[in-house]
C-alpha atoms as a PDB file:
ATOM      1  CA  MET A   1      -5.906   3.666 -19.522  1.00  0.00           C
ATOM      2  CA  PRO A   2      -3.933   3.402 -16.264  1.00  0.00           C
ATOM      3  CA  ASP A   3      -7.025   4.429 -14.341  1.00  0.00           C
ATOM      4  CA  LEU A   4      -8.716   1.166 -15.225  1.00  0.00           C
ATOM      5  CA  SER A   5      -5.670  -0.864 -14.272  1.00  0.00           C
ATOM      6  CA  ARG A   6      -5.492   0.908 -10.943  1.00  0.00           C
ATOM      7  CA  ASN A   7      -9.149   0.240 -10.247  1.00  0.00           C
ATOM      8  CA  LEU A   8      -8.652  -3.433 -10.997  1.00  0.00           C
ATOM      9  CA  VAL A   9      -5.693  -3.693  -8.646  1.00  0.00           C
ATOM     10  CA  HIS A  10      -7.661  -1.900  -5.978  1.00  0.00           C
ATOM     11  CA  GLN A  11     -10.527  -4.364  -6.221  1.00  0.00           C
ATOM     12  CA  ARG A  12      -8.066  -7.261  -6.349  1.00  0.00           C
ATOM     13  CA  TRP A  13      -6.298  -6.381  -3.109  1.00  0.00           C
ATOM     14  CA  LEU A  14      -9.679  -5.544  -1.592  1.00  0.00           C
ATOM     15  CA  LEU A  15     -10.886  -9.037  -2.366  1.00  0.00           C
ATOM     16  CA  LYS A  16      -7.759 -10.474  -0.794  1.00  0.00           C
ATOM     17  CA  LEU A  17      -8.412  -8.452   2.337  1.00  0.00           C
ATOM     18  CA  VAL A  18     -11.858  -9.928   2.767  1.00  0.00           C
END
C-alpha cells in the first residue's frame, strides 16, 4: 500500500516543518 507510505512521509515532513 504505497498510499499509506506516502501519508506517513507527508506527516513526517509536516512534523519537521513545525
